[in-house]
Amino acid sequence: QVQLVESGGGLVQAGGSLRLSCAASGRTFSSYAMGWFRQAPGKEREFVTGISRGGQNTKYADSVKGRFTISRDNAKNTVVLQMNSLNPEDPAIYYCAAGQTSYGRIPTPDEYTYWGQGTQVIVSS
């Protein structure tokens, strides 16, 4: 089992940057692909980005490509989402998620089984 705790959300001006972190408990962090999802008010939760177990493969939603970067440090049991050029479409609660899958693969959204409590991102115009 994995417990996930996000941090780093907050208020930022449009065009600015935020760095979200997700700390995972347990000694099997490297067994899990990791992902970030977000949910805005009145909208369904959507996939933002994912990273494979070893960090060699990543996937991004079209809406964040070129602006967001996911990375992980298996020695520190952390995954980071660097968000640049934030715009008014980005505000949401951002969730860290973990899913067991084969090495190098990124899970489909419904394959993520562990979730953090979320951290809120607000973008002011």
N, C-alpha and C. Protein backbone atom coordinates (compact mmCIF):
# COMPACT_ATOMS: atom_id res chain seq x y z
N GLN A 1 0.83 -1.18 0.00
CA GLN A 1 0.00 0.00 0.00
C GLN A 1 0.88 1.25 0.00
N VAL A 2 0.37 2.30 -0.62
CA VAL A 2 1.10 3.55 -0.73
C VAL A 2 0.24 4.68 -0.22
N GLN A 3 0.81 5.53 0.58
CA GLN A 3 0.14 6.75 1.01
C GLN A 3 0.83 7.94 0.35
N LEU A 4 0.02 8.83 -0.19
CA LEU A 4 0.54 9.94 -0.96
C LEU A 4 0.11 11.26 -0.33
N VAL A 5 1.05 12.19 -0.23
CA VAL A 5 0.76 13.50 0.34
C VAL A 5 1.32 14.57 -0.60
N GLU A 6 0.42 15.40 -1.12
CA GLU A 6 0.83 16.47 -2.01
C GLU A 6 1.12 17.75 -1.23
N SER A 7 1.94 18.58 -1.82
CA SER A 7 2.22 19.90 -1.26
C SER A 7 2.63 20.82 -2.40
N GLY A 8 2.61 22.11 -2.11
CA GLY A 8 3.10 23.08 -3.09
C GLY A 8 2.06 23.88 -3.82
N GLY A 9 0.79 23.58 -3.58
CA GLY A 9 -0.24 24.36 -4.23
C GLY A 9 -0.31 25.76 -3.66
N GLY A 10 -1.09 26.61 -4.31
CA GLY A 10 -1.25 27.96 -3.83
C GLY A 10 -1.75 28.89 -4.91
N LEU A 11 -1.56 30.17 -4.66
CA LEU A 11 -2.02 31.21 -5.57
C LEU A 11 -0.85 31.72 -6.39
N VAL A 12 -1.05 31.85 -7.69
CA VAL A 12 -0.01 32.35 -8.56
C VAL A 12 -0.65 33.20 -9.65
N GLN A 13 0.07 34.18 -10.11
CA GLN A 13 -0.44 35.01 -11.20
C GLN A 13 -0.34 34.25 -12.52
N ALA A 14 -1.24 34.59 -13.42
CA ALA A 14 -1.18 34.01 -14.76
C ALA A 14 0.20 34.26 -15.36
N GLY A 15 0.73 33.20 -15.97
CA GLY A 15 2.07 33.28 -16.52
C GLY A 15 3.15 32.83 -15.55
N GLY A 16 2.78 32.66 -14.30
CA GLY A 16 3.74 32.26 -13.29
C GLY A 16 3.93 30.77 -13.21
N SER A 17 4.66 30.34 -12.18
CA SER A 17 5.03 28.94 -12.02
C SER A 17 4.72 28.45 -10.61
N LEU A 18 4.47 27.17 -10.54
CA LEU A 18 4.32 26.49 -9.26
C LEU A 18 4.98 25.13 -9.36
N ARG A 19 5.42 24.64 -8.24
CA ARG A 19 6.04 23.32 -8.18
C ARG A 19 5.30 22.49 -7.14
N LEU A 20 4.64 21.46 -7.61
CA LEU A 20 3.92 20.55 -6.73
C LEU A 20 4.80 19.34 -6.41
N SER A 21 4.74 18.92 -5.17
CA SER A 21 5.47 17.72 -4.77
C SER A 21 4.50 16.69 -4.21
N CYS A 22 4.89 15.45 -4.35
CA CYS A 22 4.10 14.34 -3.80
C CYS A 22 5.07 13.41 -3.09
N ALA A 23 4.85 13.25 -1.81
CA ALA A 23 5.69 12.35 -1.02
C ALA A 23 4.95 11.04 -0.79
N ALA A 24 5.62 9.95 -1.07
CA ALA A 24 5.00 8.63 -0.94
C ALA A 24 5.61 7.86 0.22
N SER A 25 4.76 7.17 0.93
CA SER A 25 5.25 6.29 2.00
C SER A 25 5.50 4.90 1.46
N GLY A 26 6.16 4.10 2.22
CA GLY A 26 6.38 2.72 1.80
C GLY A 26 7.70 2.53 1.11
N ARG A 27 8.12 1.26 1.05
CA ARG A 27 9.42 0.93 0.48
C ARG A 27 9.32 0.42 -0.94
N THR A 28 8.12 0.51 -1.53
CA THR A 28 7.92 -0.03 -2.88
C THR A 28 7.58 1.05 -3.88
N PHE A 29 8.02 2.26 -3.61
CA PHE A 29 7.69 3.39 -4.48
C PHE A 29 8.06 3.11 -5.92
N SER A 30 9.21 2.51 -6.13
CA SER A 30 9.68 2.27 -7.49
C SER A 30 8.85 1.21 -8.22
N SER A 31 7.94 0.57 -7.52
CA SER A 31 7.04 -0.41 -8.15
C SER A 31 5.84 0.25 -8.80
N TYR A 32 5.71 1.55 -8.60
CA TYR A 32 4.52 2.25 -9.05
C TYR A 32 4.86 3.31 -10.11
N ALA A 33 4.09 3.31 -11.16
CA ALA A 33 4.07 4.48 -12.02
C ALA A 33 3.30 5.56 -11.27
N MET A 34 3.63 6.80 -11.55
CA MET A 34 3.02 7.92 -10.85
C MET A 34 2.34 8.87 -11.82
N GLY A 35 1.36 9.56 -11.33
CA GLY A 35 0.66 10.48 -12.20
C GLY A 35 0.12 11.66 -11.43
N TRP A 36 -0.24 12.68 -12.16
CA TRP A 36 -0.95 13.83 -11.62
C TRP A 36 -2.26 13.99 -12.39
N PHE A 37 -3.31 14.24 -11.64
CA PHE A 37 -4.61 14.52 -12.19
C PHE A 37 -5.09 15.85 -11.60
N ARG A 38 -6.11 16.40 -12.20
CA ARG A 38 -6.68 17.61 -11.64
C ARG A 38 -8.18 17.63 -11.83
N GLN A 39 -8.84 18.33 -10.94
CA GLN A 39 -10.29 18.48 -11.04
C GLN A 39 -10.66 19.91 -10.71
N ALA A 40 -11.26 20.56 -11.68
CA ALA A 40 -11.76 21.92 -11.50
C ALA A 40 -13.22 21.86 -11.07
N PRO A 41 -13.72 22.90 -10.43
CA PRO A 41 -15.12 22.91 -9.99
C PRO A 41 -16.08 22.66 -11.14
N GLY A 42 -16.99 21.72 -10.94
CA GLY A 42 -17.98 21.43 -11.95
C GLY A 42 -17.50 20.59 -13.11
N LYS A 43 -16.25 20.16 -13.03
CA LYS A 43 -15.68 19.35 -14.12
C LYS A 43 -15.24 18.00 -13.59
N GLU A 44 -15.09 17.08 -14.52
CA GLU A 44 -14.59 15.77 -14.14
C GLU A 44 -13.08 15.81 -13.92
N ARG A 45 -12.61 14.88 -13.13
CA ARG A 45 -11.18 14.76 -12.93
C ARG A 45 -10.52 14.38 -14.25
N GLU A 46 -9.39 15.00 -14.55
CA GLU A 46 -8.71 14.73 -15.81
C GLU A 46 -7.24 14.41 -15.57
N PHE A 47 -6.73 13.58 -16.45
CA PHE A 47 -5.32 13.22 -16.43
C PHE A 47 -4.49 14.42 -16.86
N VAL A 48 -3.40 14.66 -16.13
CA VAL A 48 -2.48 15.75 -16.48
C VAL A 48 -1.19 15.18 -17.04
N THR A 49 -0.58 14.27 -16.29
CA THR A 49 0.70 13.71 -16.71
C THR A 49 1.00 12.43 -15.94
N GLY A 50 1.83 11.59 -16.53
CA GLY A 50 2.24 10.36 -15.86
C GLY A 50 3.70 10.08 -16.14
N ILE A 51 4.30 9.30 -15.25
CA ILE A 51 5.70 8.93 -15.39
C ILE A 51 5.85 7.47 -15.01
N SER A 52 6.64 6.76 -15.77
CA SER A 52 6.81 5.33 -15.54
C SER A 52 7.65 5.07 -14.29
N ARG A 53 7.72 3.82 -13.91
CA ARG A 53 8.37 3.44 -12.67
C ARG A 53 9.80 3.93 -12.56
N GLY A 54 10.56 3.80 -13.63
CA GLY A 54 11.95 4.23 -13.62
C GLY A 54 12.16 5.66 -14.05
N GLY A 55 11.09 6.31 -14.46
CA GLY A 55 11.18 7.70 -14.89
C GLY A 55 11.59 7.89 -16.34
N GLN A 56 11.75 6.79 -17.08
CA GLN A 56 12.24 6.93 -18.45
C GLN A 56 11.15 7.35 -19.43
N ASN A 57 9.91 7.14 -19.09
CA ASN A 57 8.81 7.51 -19.97
C ASN A 57 7.85 8.44 -19.27
N THR A 58 7.38 9.41 -20.02
CA THR A 58 6.39 10.35 -19.50
C THR A 58 5.28 10.55 -20.54
N LYS A 59 4.15 11.01 -20.05
CA LYS A 59 3.01 11.30 -20.92
C LYS A 59 2.34 12.55 -20.39
N TYR A 60 1.87 13.40 -21.30
CA TYR A 60 1.23 14.65 -20.91
C TYR A 60 -0.08 14.84 -21.65
N ALA A 61 -1.02 15.46 -20.96
CA ALA A 61 -2.22 15.91 -21.64
C ALA A 61 -1.83 17.02 -22.61
N ASP A 62 -2.55 17.10 -23.72
CA ASP A 62 -2.22 18.12 -24.73
C ASP A 62 -2.26 19.53 -24.13
N SER A 63 -3.14 19.73 -23.18
CA SER A 63 -3.33 21.07 -22.62
C SER A 63 -2.14 21.56 -21.80
N VAL A 64 -1.25 20.64 -21.40
CA VAL A 64 -0.12 21.05 -20.56
C VAL A 64 1.23 20.79 -21.21
N LYS A 65 1.22 20.18 -22.37
CA LYS A 65 2.49 19.89 -23.05
C LYS A 65 3.30 21.15 -23.27
N GLY A 66 4.58 21.07 -22.95
CA GLY A 66 5.47 22.19 -23.13
C GLY A 66 5.47 23.17 -21.97
N ARG A 67 4.51 22.99 -21.04
CA ARG A 67 4.44 23.90 -19.89
C ARG A 67 4.70 23.17 -18.57
N PHE A 68 4.24 21.94 -18.50
CA PHE A 68 4.39 21.15 -17.27
C PHE A 68 5.45 20.07 -17.47
N THR A 69 6.15 19.76 -16.39
CA THR A 69 7.15 18.69 -16.42
C THR A 69 7.01 17.83 -15.18
N ILE A 70 6.93 16.54 -15.39
CA ILE A 70 6.88 15.60 -14.27
C ILE A 70 8.24 14.94 -14.11
N SER A 71 8.62 14.72 -12.88
CA SER A 71 9.86 14.01 -12.59
C SER A 71 9.69 13.23 -11.30
N ARG A 72 10.58 12.30 -11.07
CA ARG A 72 10.50 11.50 -9.85
C ARG A 72 11.90 11.20 -9.34
N ASP A 73 11.96 10.97 -8.05
CA ASP A 73 13.21 10.58 -7.40
C ASP A 73 12.89 9.35 -6.56
N ASN A 74 13.24 8.20 -7.07
CA ASN A 74 12.90 6.95 -6.37
C ASN A 74 13.67 6.78 -5.07
N ALA A 75 14.80 7.42 -4.96
CA ALA A 75 15.56 7.34 -3.71
C ALA A 75 14.88 8.13 -2.60
N LYS A 76 14.14 9.15 -2.99
CA LYS A 76 13.47 10.01 -2.00
C LYS A 76 11.97 9.79 -1.96
N ASN A 77 11.48 8.85 -2.76
CA ASN A 77 10.03 8.56 -2.80
C ASN A 77 9.20 9.80 -3.09
N THR A 78 9.63 10.56 -4.05
CA THR A 78 8.90 11.78 -4.39
C THR A 78 8.68 11.89 -5.89
N VAL A 79 7.62 12.55 -6.24
CA VAL A 79 7.34 12.92 -7.62
C VAL A 79 6.98 14.40 -7.63
N VAL A 80 7.47 15.08 -8.62
CA VAL A 80 7.33 16.53 -8.70
C VAL A 80 6.65 16.91 -9.99
N LEU A 81 5.78 17.90 -9.91
CA LEU A 81 5.16 18.48 -11.09
C LEU A 81 5.55 19.95 -11.15
N GLN A 82 6.38 20.28 -12.10
CA GLN A 82 6.77 21.67 -12.33
C GLN A 82 5.80 22.27 -13.34
N MET A 83 5.12 23.32 -12.93
CA MET A 83 4.11 23.94 -13.78
C MET A 83 4.55 25.35 -14.14
N ASN A 84 4.74 25.61 -15.40
CA ASN A 84 5.14 26.93 -15.88
C ASN A 84 4.04 27.51 -16.77
N SER A 85 4.12 28.79 -16.96
CA SER A 85 3.17 29.49 -17.84
C SER A 85 1.72 29.14 -17.48
N LEU A 86 1.42 29.21 -16.21
CA LEU A 86 0.07 28.87 -15.76
C LEU A 86 -0.94 29.85 -16.34
N ASN A 87 -2.08 29.30 -16.73
CA ASN A 87 -3.11 30.14 -17.34
C ASN A 87 -4.45 29.90 -16.67
N PRO A 88 -5.47 30.67 -17.03
CA PRO A 88 -6.76 30.56 -16.34
C PRO A 88 -7.46 29.22 -16.51
N GLU A 89 -6.96 28.33 -17.36
CA GLU A 89 -7.54 27.00 -17.51
C GLU A 89 -6.91 25.99 -16.56
N ASP A 90 -5.88 26.39 -15.86
CA ASP A 90 -5.16 25.46 -14.99
C ASP A 90 -5.66 25.35 -13.55
N PRO A 91 -6.40 26.31 -13.02
CA PRO A 91 -6.83 26.19 -11.62
C PRO A 91 -7.66 24.94 -11.38
N ALA A 92 -7.31 24.23 -10.30
CA ALA A 92 -7.99 22.98 -9.98
C ALA A 92 -7.38 22.45 -8.70
N ILE A 93 -7.97 21.39 -8.21
CA ILE A 93 -7.30 20.62 -7.18
C ILE A 93 -6.48 19.57 -7.91
N TYR A 94 -5.21 19.51 -7.58
CA TYR A 94 -4.29 18.59 -8.23
C TYR A 94 -4.03 17.40 -7.32
N TYR A 95 -4.16 16.23 -7.90
CA TYR A 95 -4.01 14.99 -7.15
C TYR A 95 -2.84 14.18 -7.68
N CYS A 96 -2.09 13.65 -6.77
CA CYS A 96 -1.03 12.70 -7.07
C CYS A 96 -1.63 11.30 -7.01
N ALA A 97 -1.19 10.43 -7.91
CA ALA A 97 -1.73 9.09 -7.95
C ALA A 97 -0.65 8.07 -8.27
N ALA A 98 -0.86 6.85 -7.81
CA ALA A 98 0.10 5.77 -8.05
C ALA A 98 -0.63 4.56 -8.62
N GLY A 99 0.03 3.89 -9.55
CA GLY A 99 -0.56 2.69 -10.14
C GLY A 99 0.52 1.68 -10.44
N GLN A 100 0.25 0.43 -10.06
CA GLN A 100 1.22 -0.62 -10.36
C GLN A 100 1.07 -1.06 -11.80
N THR A 101 2.20 -1.15 -12.48
CA THR A 101 2.18 -1.58 -13.86
C THR A 101 3.58 -2.06 -14.23
N SER A 102 3.71 -2.56 -15.41
CA SER A 102 5.01 -3.08 -15.83
C SER A 102 6.00 -1.94 -16.04
N TYR A 103 7.26 -2.29 -15.95
CA TYR A 103 8.32 -1.30 -16.05
C TYR A 103 8.27 -0.60 -17.41
N GLY A 104 8.35 0.73 -17.36
CA GLY A 104 8.37 1.50 -18.59
C GLY A 104 7.00 1.92 -19.08
N ARG A 105 5.98 1.36 -18.52
CA ARG A 105 4.62 1.65 -18.98
C ARG A 105 3.98 2.72 -18.11
N ILE A 106 3.10 3.48 -18.72
CA ILE A 106 2.31 4.48 -17.99
C ILE A 106 0.87 3.98 -17.94
N PRO A 107 0.30 3.89 -16.77
CA PRO A 107 -1.05 3.33 -16.65
C PRO A 107 -2.10 4.18 -17.36
N THR A 108 -3.18 3.53 -17.72
CA THR A 108 -4.35 4.28 -18.15
C THR A 108 -4.95 4.92 -16.90
N PRO A 109 -5.75 5.96 -17.06
CA PRO A 109 -6.27 6.67 -15.87
C PRO A 109 -6.98 5.76 -14.87
N ASP A 110 -7.70 4.76 -15.34
CA ASP A 110 -8.42 3.91 -14.40
C ASP A 110 -7.54 2.87 -13.72
N GLU A 111 -6.28 2.83 -14.06
CA GLU A 111 -5.36 1.88 -13.43
C GLU A 111 -4.63 2.47 -12.23
N TYR A 112 -4.84 3.74 -11.97
CA TYR A 112 -4.24 4.33 -10.78
C TYR A 112 -5.09 3.95 -9.57
N THR A 113 -4.45 3.41 -8.55
CA THR A 113 -5.22 2.86 -7.43
C THR A 113 -5.03 3.59 -6.12
N TYR A 114 -3.99 4.40 -6.01
CA TYR A 114 -3.76 5.15 -4.78
C TYR A 114 -3.75 6.64 -5.10
N TRP A 115 -4.36 7.40 -4.20
CA TRP A 115 -4.55 8.83 -4.45
C TRP A 115 -4.18 9.64 -3.22
N GLY A 116 -3.64 10.82 -3.46
CA GLY A 116 -3.42 11.75 -2.39
C GLY A 116 -4.69 12.55 -2.11
N GLN A 117 -4.58 13.45 -1.16
CA GLN A 117 -5.77 14.24 -0.76
C GLN A 117 -5.96 15.47 -1.63
N GLY A 118 -4.96 15.80 -2.41
CA GLY A 118 -5.07 16.92 -3.32
C GLY A 118 -4.48 18.21 -2.77
N THR A 119 -4.07 19.06 -3.67
CA THR A 119 -3.58 20.38 -3.32
C THR A 119 -4.14 21.37 -4.33
N GLN A 120 -4.57 22.51 -3.85
CA GLN A 120 -5.29 23.45 -4.71
C GLN A 120 -4.35 24.42 -5.39
N VAL A 121 -4.61 24.63 -6.65
CA VAL A 121 -3.88 25.61 -7.46
C VAL A 121 -4.85 26.68 -7.92
N ILE A 122 -4.52 27.92 -7.64
CA ILE A 122 -5.35 29.06 -8.02
C ILE A 122 -4.50 29.98 -8.89
N VAL A 123 -5.06 30.39 -9.99
CA VAL A 123 -4.35 31.27 -10.90
C VAL A 123 -5.12 32.57 -11.01
N SER A 124 -4.48 33.66 -10.68
CA SER A 124 -5.12 34.98 -10.78
C SER A 124 -4.75 35.64 -12.10
N SER A 125 -5.71 36.31 -12.67
CA SER A 125 -5.45 36.96 -13.96
C SER A 125 -5.08 38.43 -13.78
